[in-house]
Amino acid sequence: MESSSRLTRILLASGSPRRVEIMQGILNPVDSVRPTNVEGPVHPNESPADYVARMALEKSEAAPREDGGAVVLSADTMVVLDGRVLGKPEDADETEAMLADLRGRVHQVLTGVSVRNGSAATPVTEVTRTDVLMRDYSRTEIRAYAQAGSGLDKAGGYGIQDREFRPVGRIEGCYLNVVGLPLCTVVRLLSKVGANVQLQPRASVPYVEYCRGCDLRWSTEEQR
């Protein structure tokens, strides 16, 4: 296994605790910084995929330029139901309304990921999509979840990782994308810009038990 001192330092331009947690799945040193608020409305005729790609890129550009040689990583996630974008609910009532709309139906989770190696470099950006089927949870479950405030900081008003509520019945695609950051996409883009990146042993990667069919290459410890 390579020395961690040779691994590229990563500046995560996000204040999301879930993205910070997911990035614990790599051996590289990761520093998190909340970027300047660049959230804005969807442009006319802009698709949800184009929007998350643009937001991820703008977050990358808003990150500190004096980053000591670190590679800058940024992301933006949205939930899309029948072409309608569901952002983060403002209160419990809005959480309930979103969860009621999503119940028993398939929606898409889109995450734009942008990586920049050096202040003058051109970022590389990619969008990852996961199709999500919500289970047929009850009104009582919705109310309890919403009143607890559990969905207030999550796009669509829910977290797939919330084990007590268990809102999701089935997914097609990357599980970590629904949590908030597709690690497979992150590793691929980091490698694309020349970063030296290495995963933790599989057992140390957050939510790894749900990462099926991913193209991640785990640490050399498990490849022997």
C-alpha atoms as a PDB file:
ATOM      1  CA  MET A   1       0.000   0.000   0.000  1.00  0.00           C
ATOM      2  CA  GLU A   2       1.293   3.440  -0.917  1.00  0.00           C
ATOM      3  CA  SER A   3       2.251   5.930   1.746  1.00  0.00           C
ATOM      4  CA  SER A   4      -0.593   8.332   2.548  1.00  0.00           C
ATOM      5  CA  SER A   5       1.914  11.212   2.304  1.00  0.00           C
ATOM      6  CA  ARG A   6       2.017  10.631  -1.460  1.00  0.00           C
ATOM      7  CA  LEU A   7      -1.734  10.755  -1.885  1.00  0.00           C
ATOM      8  CA  THR A   8      -3.308  13.920  -3.293  1.00  0.00           C
ATOM      9  CA  ARG A   9      -4.974  16.235  -0.780  1.00  0.00           C
ATOM     10  CA  ILE A  10      -8.623  16.938  -1.599  1.00  0.00           C
ATOM     11  CA  LEU A  11     -10.560  20.092  -0.807  1.00  0.00           C
ATOM     12  CA  LEU A  12     -14.231  19.161  -0.519  1.00  0.00           C
ATOM     13  CA  ALA A  13     -16.272  22.254  -1.352  1.00  0.00           C
ATOM     14  CA  SER A  14     -19.314  21.193   0.647  1.00  0.00           C
ATOM     15  CA  GLY A  15     -20.753  21.566   4.108  1.00  0.00           C
ATOM     16  CA  SER A  16     -22.784  18.372   3.809  1.00  0.00           C
ATOM     17  CA  PRO A  17     -22.061  15.949   6.674  1.00  0.00           C
ATOM     18  CA  ARG A  18     -23.102  13.056   4.425  1.00  0.00           C
ATOM     19  CA  ARG A  19     -20.543  13.979   1.755  1.00  0.00           C
ATOM     20  CA  VAL A  20     -17.867  14.340   4.426  1.00  0.00           C
ATOM     21  CA  GLU A  21     -18.797  10.877   5.705  1.00  0.00           C
ATOM     22  CA  ILE A  22     -18.674   9.308   2.238  1.00  0.00           C
ATOM     23  CA  MET A  23     -15.228  10.803   1.602  1.00  0.00           C
ATOM     24  CA  GLN A  24     -13.986   8.857   4.617  1.00  0.00           C
ATOM     25  CA  GLY A  25     -14.060   5.929   2.218  1.00  0.00           C
ATOM     26  CA  ILE A  26     -10.751   7.043   0.670  1.00  0.00           C
ATOM     27  CA  LEU A  27      -7.291   7.177   2.215  1.00  0.00           C
ATOM     28  CA  ASN A  28      -6.492  10.660   0.883  1.00  0.00           C
ATOM     29  CA  PRO A  29      -6.441  13.629   3.279  1.00  0.00           C
ATOM     30  CA  VAL A  30      -9.728  15.522   2.803  1.00  0.00           C
ATOM     31  CA  ASP A  31     -10.442  19.044   4.038  1.00  0.00           C
ATOM     32  CA  SER A  32     -14.020  20.317   3.923  1.00  0.00           C
ATOM     33  CA  VAL A  33     -14.928  23.957   3.337  1.00  0.00           C
ATOM     34  CA  ARG A  34     -18.381  25.394   2.832  1.00  0.00           C
ATOM     35  CA  PRO A  35     -18.332  27.282  -0.493  1.00  0.00           C
ATOM     36  CA  THR A  36     -19.923  30.654  -1.125  1.00  0.00           C
ATOM     37  CA  ASN A  37     -23.659  30.170  -1.625  1.00  0.00           C
ATOM     38  CA  VAL A  38     -24.065  29.684  -5.361  1.00  0.00           C
ATOM     39  CA  GLU A  39     -27.494  28.046  -5.330  1.00  0.00           C
ATOM     40  CA  GLY A  40     -29.736  29.580  -7.933  1.00  0.00           C
ATOM     41  CA  PRO A  41     -32.883  28.894  -9.964  1.00  0.00           C
ATOM     42  CA  VAL A  42     -33.070  26.555 -12.912  1.00  0.00           C
ATOM     43  CA  HIS A  43     -32.544  28.488 -16.147  1.00  0.00           C
ATOM     44  CA  PRO A  44     -35.266  28.477 -18.820  1.00  0.00           C
ATOM     45  CA  ASN A  45     -35.064  25.290 -20.919  1.00  0.00           C
ATOM     46  CA  GLU A  46     -32.311  23.919 -18.629  1.00  0.00           C
ATOM     47  CA  SER A  47     -32.666  20.213 -17.864  1.00  0.00           C
ATOM     48  CA  PRO A  48     -32.236  18.944 -14.285  1.00  0.00           C
ATOM     49  CA  ALA A  49     -29.009  17.176 -15.352  1.00  0.00           C
ATOM     50  CA  ASP A  50     -27.629  20.374 -16.872  1.00  0.00           C
ATOM     51  CA  TYR A  51     -28.604  22.259 -13.718  1.00  0.00           C
ATOM     52  CA  VAL A  52     -26.762  19.978 -11.268  1.00  0.00           C
ATOM     53  CA  ALA A  53     -23.727  19.965 -13.551  1.00  0.00           C
ATOM     54  CA  ARG A  54     -23.742  23.772 -13.628  1.00  0.00           C
ATOM     55  CA  MET A  55     -24.180  24.057  -9.864  1.00  0.00           C
ATOM     56  CA  ALA A  56     -21.314  21.637  -9.210  1.00  0.00           C
ATOM     57  CA  LEU A  57     -19.106  23.619 -11.574  1.00  0.00           C
ATOM     58  CA  GLU A  58     -20.021  26.946  -9.970  1.00  0.00           C
ATOM     59  CA  LYS A  59     -19.279  25.532  -6.508  1.00  0.00           C
ATOM     60  CA  SER A  60     -15.873  24.416  -7.757  1.00  0.00           C
ATOM     61  CA  GLU A  61     -15.173  27.878  -9.133  1.00  0.00           C
ATOM     62  CA  ALA A  62     -16.283  29.474  -5.849  1.00  0.00           C
ATOM     63  CA  ALA A  63     -13.917  27.341  -3.760  1.00  0.00           C
ATOM     64  CA  PRO A  64     -10.677  28.943  -2.450  1.00  0.00           C
ATOM     65  CA  ARG A  65      -8.001  29.426  -5.108  1.00  0.00           C
ATOM     66  CA  GLU A  66      -5.126  29.324  -2.622  1.00  0.00           C
ATOM     67  CA  ASP A  67      -5.661  25.673  -1.863  1.00  0.00           C
ATOM     68  CA  GLY A  68      -2.044  24.573  -1.450  1.00  0.00           C
ATOM     69  CA  GLY A  69      -2.112  22.274  -4.459  1.00  0.00           C
ATOM     70  CA  ALA A  70      -5.204  20.363  -3.379  1.00  0.00           C
ATOM     71  CA  VAL A  71      -7.662  19.028  -5.913  1.00  0.00           C
ATOM     72  CA  VAL A  72     -11.049  20.731  -5.488  1.00  0.00           C
ATOM     73  CA  LEU A  73     -14.136  18.498  -5.392  1.00  0.00           C
ATOM     74  CA  SER A  74     -17.691  19.858  -5.475  1.00  0.00           C
ATOM     75  CA  ALA A  75     -21.142  18.364  -5.996  1.00  0.00           C
ATOM     76  CA  ASP A  76     -24.813  19.205  -6.257  1.00  0.00           C
ATOM     77  CA  THR A  77     -27.732  16.790  -5.825  1.00  0.00           C
ATOM     78  CA  MET A  78     -31.394  17.057  -6.726  1.00  0.00           C
ATOM     79  CA  VAL A  79     -34.473  14.858  -6.678  1.00  0.00           C
ATOM     80  CA  VAL A  80     -36.644  14.840  -9.810  1.00  0.00           C
ATOM     81  CA  LEU A  81     -40.199  13.487  -9.920  1.00  0.00           C
ATOM     82  CA  ASP A  82     -41.912  13.492 -13.327  1.00  0.00           C
ATOM     83  CA  GLY A  83     -39.669  16.336 -14.433  1.00  0.00           C
ATOM     84  CA  ARG A  84     -40.390  18.383 -11.300  1.00  0.00           C
ATOM     85  CA  VAL A  85     -37.442  19.307  -9.121  1.00  0.00           C
ATOM     86  CA  LEU A  86     -37.794  18.686  -5.382  1.00  0.00           C
ATOM     87  CA  GLY A  87     -35.303  20.647  -3.322  1.00  0.00           C
ATOM     88  CA  LYS A  88     -34.818  20.723   0.433  1.00  0.00           C
ATOM     89  CA  PRO A  89     -38.106  21.279   2.290  1.00  0.00           C
ATOM     90  CA  GLU A  90     -38.406  24.436   4.352  1.00  0.00           C
ATOM     91  CA  ASP A  91     -40.543  22.948   7.117  1.00  0.00           C
ATOM     92  CA  ALA A  92     -42.325  19.815   8.322  1.00  0.00           C
ATOM     93  CA  ASP A  93     -45.411  20.509   6.210  1.00  0.00           C
ATOM     94  CA  GLU A  94     -43.352  20.676   3.035  1.00  0.00           C
ATOM     95  CA  THR A  95     -41.514  17.503   4.050  1.00  0.00           C
ATOM     96  CA  GLU A  96     -44.850  15.709   4.413  1.00  0.00           C
ATOM     97  CA  ALA A  97     -46.042  16.978   1.037  1.00  0.00           C
ATOM     98  CA  MET A  98     -42.870  15.806  -0.734  1.00  0.00           C
ATOM     99  CA  LEU A  99     -42.946  12.377   0.872  1.00  0.00           C
ATOM    100  CA  ALA A 100     -46.629  11.988   0.010  1.00  0.00           C
ATOM    101  CA  ASP A 101     -45.883  12.803  -3.640  1.00  0.00           C
ATOM    102  CA  LEU A 102     -42.949  10.355  -3.742  1.00  0.00           C
ATOM    103  CA  ARG A 103     -44.723   7.452  -1.984  1.00  0.00           C
ATOM    104  CA  GLY A 104     -44.881   4.282  -4.060  1.00  0.00           C
ATOM    105  CA  ARG A 105     -43.439   6.006  -7.140  1.00  0.00           C
ATOM    106  CA  VAL A 106     -40.159   6.075  -9.038  1.00  0.00           C
ATOM    107  CA  HIS A 107     -38.089   9.248  -9.133  1.00  0.00           C
ATOM    108  CA  GLN A 108     -34.558  10.158 -10.126  1.00  0.00           C
ATOM    109  CA  VAL A 109     -31.663  11.375  -8.005  1.00  0.00           C
ATOM    110  CA  LEU A 110     -29.114  13.363 -10.008  1.00  0.00           C
ATOM    111  CA  THR A 111     -25.725  14.435  -8.678  1.00  0.00           C
ATOM    112  CA  GLY A 112     -23.353  16.661 -10.579  1.00  0.00           C
ATOM    113  CA  VAL A 113     -19.713  16.131  -9.563  1.00  0.00           C
ATOM    114  CA  SER A 114     -16.954  18.567 -10.548  1.00  0.00           C
ATOM    115  CA  VAL A 115     -13.211  18.164  -9.947  1.00  0.00           C
ATOM    116  CA  ARG A 116     -10.504  20.776 -10.535  1.00  0.00           C
ATOM    117  CA  ASN A 117      -6.765  20.161 -10.214  1.00  0.00           C
ATOM    118  CA  GLY A 118      -5.167  23.584  -9.761  1.00  0.00           C
ATOM    119  CA  SER A 119      -6.635  27.079  -9.888  1.00  0.00           C
ATOM    120  CA  ALA A 120      -5.963  27.505 -13.615  1.00  0.00           C
ATOM    121  CA  ALA A 121      -7.101  24.052 -14.694  1.00  0.00           C
ATOM    122  CA  THR A 122     -10.383  23.331 -16.453  1.00  0.00           C
ATOM    123  CA  PRO A 123     -12.689  21.309 -14.178  1.00  0.00           C
ATOM    124  CA  VAL A 124     -14.104  17.973 -15.301  1.00  0.00           C
ATOM    125  CA  THR A 125     -17.775  17.444 -14.546  1.00  0.00           C
ATOM    126  CA  GLU A 126     -20.090  14.447 -14.720  1.00  0.00           C
ATOM    127  CA  VAL A 127     -23.699  13.715 -13.723  1.00  0.00           C
ATOM    128  CA  THR A 128     -24.685  10.438 -12.033  1.00  0.00           C
ATOM    129  CA  ARG A 129     -28.298   9.228 -12.067  1.00  0.00           C
ATOM    130  CA  THR A 130     -30.037   6.717  -9.810  1.00  0.00           C
ATOM    131  CA  ASP A 131     -33.659   5.618 -10.217  1.00  0.00           C
ATOM    132  CA  VAL A 132     -35.381   5.268  -6.853  1.00  0.00           C
ATOM    133  CA  LEU A 133     -38.643   3.472  -6.048  1.00  0.00           C
ATOM    134  CA  MET A 134     -40.123   4.605  -2.737  1.00  0.00           C
ATOM    135  CA  ARG A 135     -42.018   2.116  -0.625  1.00  0.00           C
ATOM    136  CA  ASP A 136     -45.701   2.570   0.241  1.00  0.00           C
ATOM    137  CA  TYR A 137     -45.161   4.045   3.710  1.00  0.00           C
ATOM    138  CA  SER A 138     -48.114   5.217   5.776  1.00  0.00           C
ATOM    139  CA  ARG A 139     -49.324   8.727   6.575  1.00  0.00           C
ATOM    140  CA  THR A 140     -48.432   8.082  10.203  1.00  0.00           C
ATOM    141  CA  GLU A 141     -44.848   7.258   9.232  1.00  0.00           C
ATOM    142  CA  ILE A 142     -44.646  10.395   7.100  1.00  0.00           C
ATOM    143  CA  ARG A 143     -45.905  12.585   9.913  1.00  0.00           C
ATOM    144  CA  ALA A 144     -43.512  11.129  12.498  1.00  0.00           C
ATOM    145  CA  TYR A 145     -40.524  11.499  10.168  1.00  0.00           C
ATOM    146  CA  ALA A 146     -41.413  15.054   9.180  1.00  0.00           C
ATOM    147  CA  GLN A 147     -42.123  16.211  12.722  1.00  0.00           C
ATOM    148  CA  ALA A 148     -38.730  14.892  13.830  1.00  0.00           C
ATOM    149  CA  GLY A 149     -37.128  17.251  11.299  1.00  0.00           C
ATOM    150  CA  SER A 150     -35.189  14.399   9.724  1.00  0.00           C
ATOM    151  CA  GLY A 151     -35.806  15.479   6.125  1.00  0.00           C
ATOM    152  CA  LEU A 152     -35.196  19.213   6.376  1.00  0.00           C
ATOM    153  CA  ASP A 153     -31.608  19.209   5.061  1.00  0.00           C
ATOM    154  CA  LYS A 154     -32.165  16.598   2.343  1.00  0.00           C
ATOM    155  CA  ALA A 155     -33.306  17.001  -1.256  1.00  0.00           C
ATOM    156  CA  GLY A 156     -36.744  15.443  -1.621  1.00  0.00           C
ATOM    157  CA  GLY A 157     -37.213  15.498   2.147  1.00  0.00           C
ATOM    158  CA  TYR A 158     -35.734  12.063   2.863  1.00  0.00           C
ATOM    159  CA  GLY A 159     -32.507  10.152   3.433  1.00  0.00           C
ATOM    160  CA  ILE A 160     -32.144   6.669   1.964  1.00  0.00           C
ATOM    161  CA  GLN A 161     -29.785   5.873   4.853  1.00  0.00           C
ATOM    162  CA  ASP A 162     -32.427   6.580   7.530  1.00  0.00           C
ATOM    163  CA  ARG A 163     -32.726   3.055   8.885  1.00  0.00           C
ATOM    164  CA  GLU A 164     -35.781   3.603  11.088  1.00  0.00           C
ATOM    165  CA  PHE A 165     -37.967   5.172   8.390  1.00  0.00           C
ATOM    166  CA  ARG A 166     -36.539   3.094   5.506  1.00  0.00           C
ATOM    167  CA  PRO A 167     -38.230   5.225   2.817  1.00  0.00           C
ATOM    168  CA  VAL A 168     -36.790   3.446  -0.232  1.00  0.00           C
ATOM    169  CA  GLY A 169     -38.024   0.149  -1.618  1.00  0.00           C
ATOM    170  CA  ARG A 170     -35.568  -0.370  -4.477  1.00  0.00           C
ATOM    171  CA  ILE A 171     -32.946   1.481  -6.501  1.00  0.00           C
ATOM    172  CA  GLU A 172     -31.312   1.100  -9.898  1.00  0.00           C
ATOM    173  CA  GLY A 173     -27.873   2.658  -9.897  1.00  0.00           C
ATOM    174  CA  CYS A 174     -25.458   3.985  -7.300  1.00  0.00           C
ATOM    175  CA  TYR A 175     -26.610   3.893  -3.661  1.00  0.00           C
ATOM    176  CA  LEU A 176     -24.097   6.517  -2.511  1.00  0.00           C
ATOM    177  CA  ASN A 177     -25.437   8.861  -5.177  1.00  0.00           C
ATOM    178  CA  VAL A 178     -28.759   8.887  -3.307  1.00  0.00           C
ATOM    179  CA  VAL A 179     -26.966   9.551  -0.019  1.00  0.00           C
ATOM    180  CA  GLY A 180     -25.362  12.576  -1.679  1.00  0.00           C
ATOM    181  CA  LEU A 181     -22.074  11.708  -3.394  1.00  0.00           C
ATOM    182  CA  PRO A 182     -21.355   8.861  -5.874  1.00  0.00           C
ATOM    183  CA  LEU A 183     -17.924   7.707  -4.748  1.00  0.00           C
ATOM    184  CA  CYS A 184     -17.402   5.706  -7.939  1.00  0.00           C
ATOM    185  CA  THR A 185     -17.793   8.889 -10.011  1.00  0.00           C
ATOM    186  CA  VAL A 186     -15.601  10.873  -7.609  1.00  0.00           C
ATOM    187  CA  VAL A 187     -12.722   8.375  -7.820  1.00  0.00           C
ATOM    188  CA  ARG A 188     -12.972   8.216 -11.618  1.00  0.00           C
ATOM    189  CA  LEU A 189     -12.870  12.014 -12.008  1.00  0.00           C
ATOM    190  CA  LEU A 190     -10.052  12.413  -9.472  1.00  0.00           C
ATOM    191  CA  SER A 191      -7.990   9.919 -11.448  1.00  0.00           C
ATOM    192  CA  LYS A 192      -8.907  11.694 -14.687  1.00  0.00           C
ATOM    193  CA  VAL A 193      -7.344  14.976 -13.487  1.00  0.00           C
ATOM    194  CA  GLY A 194      -4.175  13.194 -12.355  1.00  0.00           C
ATOM    195  CA  ALA A 195      -4.871  12.865  -8.628  1.00  0.00           C
ATOM    196  CA  ASN A 196      -3.264   9.981  -6.757  1.00  0.00           C
ATOM    197  CA  VAL A 197      -6.281   8.490  -4.980  1.00  0.00           C
ATOM    198  CA  GLN A 198      -6.744   5.277  -3.021  1.00  0.00           C
ATOM    199  CA  LEU A 199      -9.786   3.712  -1.403  1.00  0.00           C
ATOM    200  CA  GLN A 200      -9.989   2.473   2.129  1.00  0.00           C
ATOM    201  CA  PRO A 201     -10.372  -1.288   2.567  1.00  0.00           C
ATOM    202  CA  ARG A 202     -13.892  -2.232   1.499  1.00  0.00           C
ATOM    203  CA  ALA A 203     -15.123  -2.821   5.042  1.00  0.00           C
ATOM    204  CA  SER A 204     -14.228   0.770   5.972  1.00  0.00           C
ATOM    205  CA  VAL A 205     -16.233   2.462   3.203  1.00  0.00           C
ATOM    206  CA  PRO A 206     -19.510   4.024   4.457  1.00  0.00           C
ATOM    207  CA  TYR A 207     -22.645   2.080   3.426  1.00  0.00           C
ATOM    208  CA  VAL A 208     -20.485  -0.382   1.489  1.00  0.00           C
ATOM    209  CA  GLU A 209     -22.987  -3.175   2.125  1.00  0.00           C
ATOM    210  CA  TYR A 210     -25.326  -1.373  -0.302  1.00  0.00           C
ATOM    211  CA  CYS A 211     -22.678  -0.694  -2.998  1.00  0.00           C
ATOM    212  CA  ARG A 212     -23.439  -3.502  -5.427  1.00  0.00           C
ATOM    213  CA  GLY A 213     -22.231  -3.541  -8.999  1.00  0.00           C
ATOM    214  CA  CYS A 214     -20.000  -0.491  -8.461  1.00  0.00           C
ATOM    215  CA  ASP A 215     -16.837  -0.189 -10.537  1.00  0.00           C
ATOM    216  CA  LEU A 216     -14.745   0.883  -7.564  1.00  0.00           C
ATOM    217  CA  ARG A 217     -11.335  -0.742  -7.134  1.00  0.00           C
ATOM    218  CA  TRP A 218     -10.820  -1.341  -3.439  1.00  0.00           C
ATOM    219  CA  SER A 219      -7.486  -0.983  -1.657  1.00  0.00           C
ATOM    220  CA  THR A 220      -4.536  -3.227  -2.531  1.00  0.00           C
ATOM    221  CA  GLU A 221      -5.123  -4.924   0.812  1.00  0.00           C
ATOM    222  CA  GLU A 222      -8.125  -6.671  -0.759  1.00  0.00           C
ATOM    223  CA  GLN A 223      -6.799  -7.140  -4.262  1.00  0.00           C
ATOM    224  CA  ARG A 224      -4.130  -9.655  -3.273  1.00  0.00           C
END
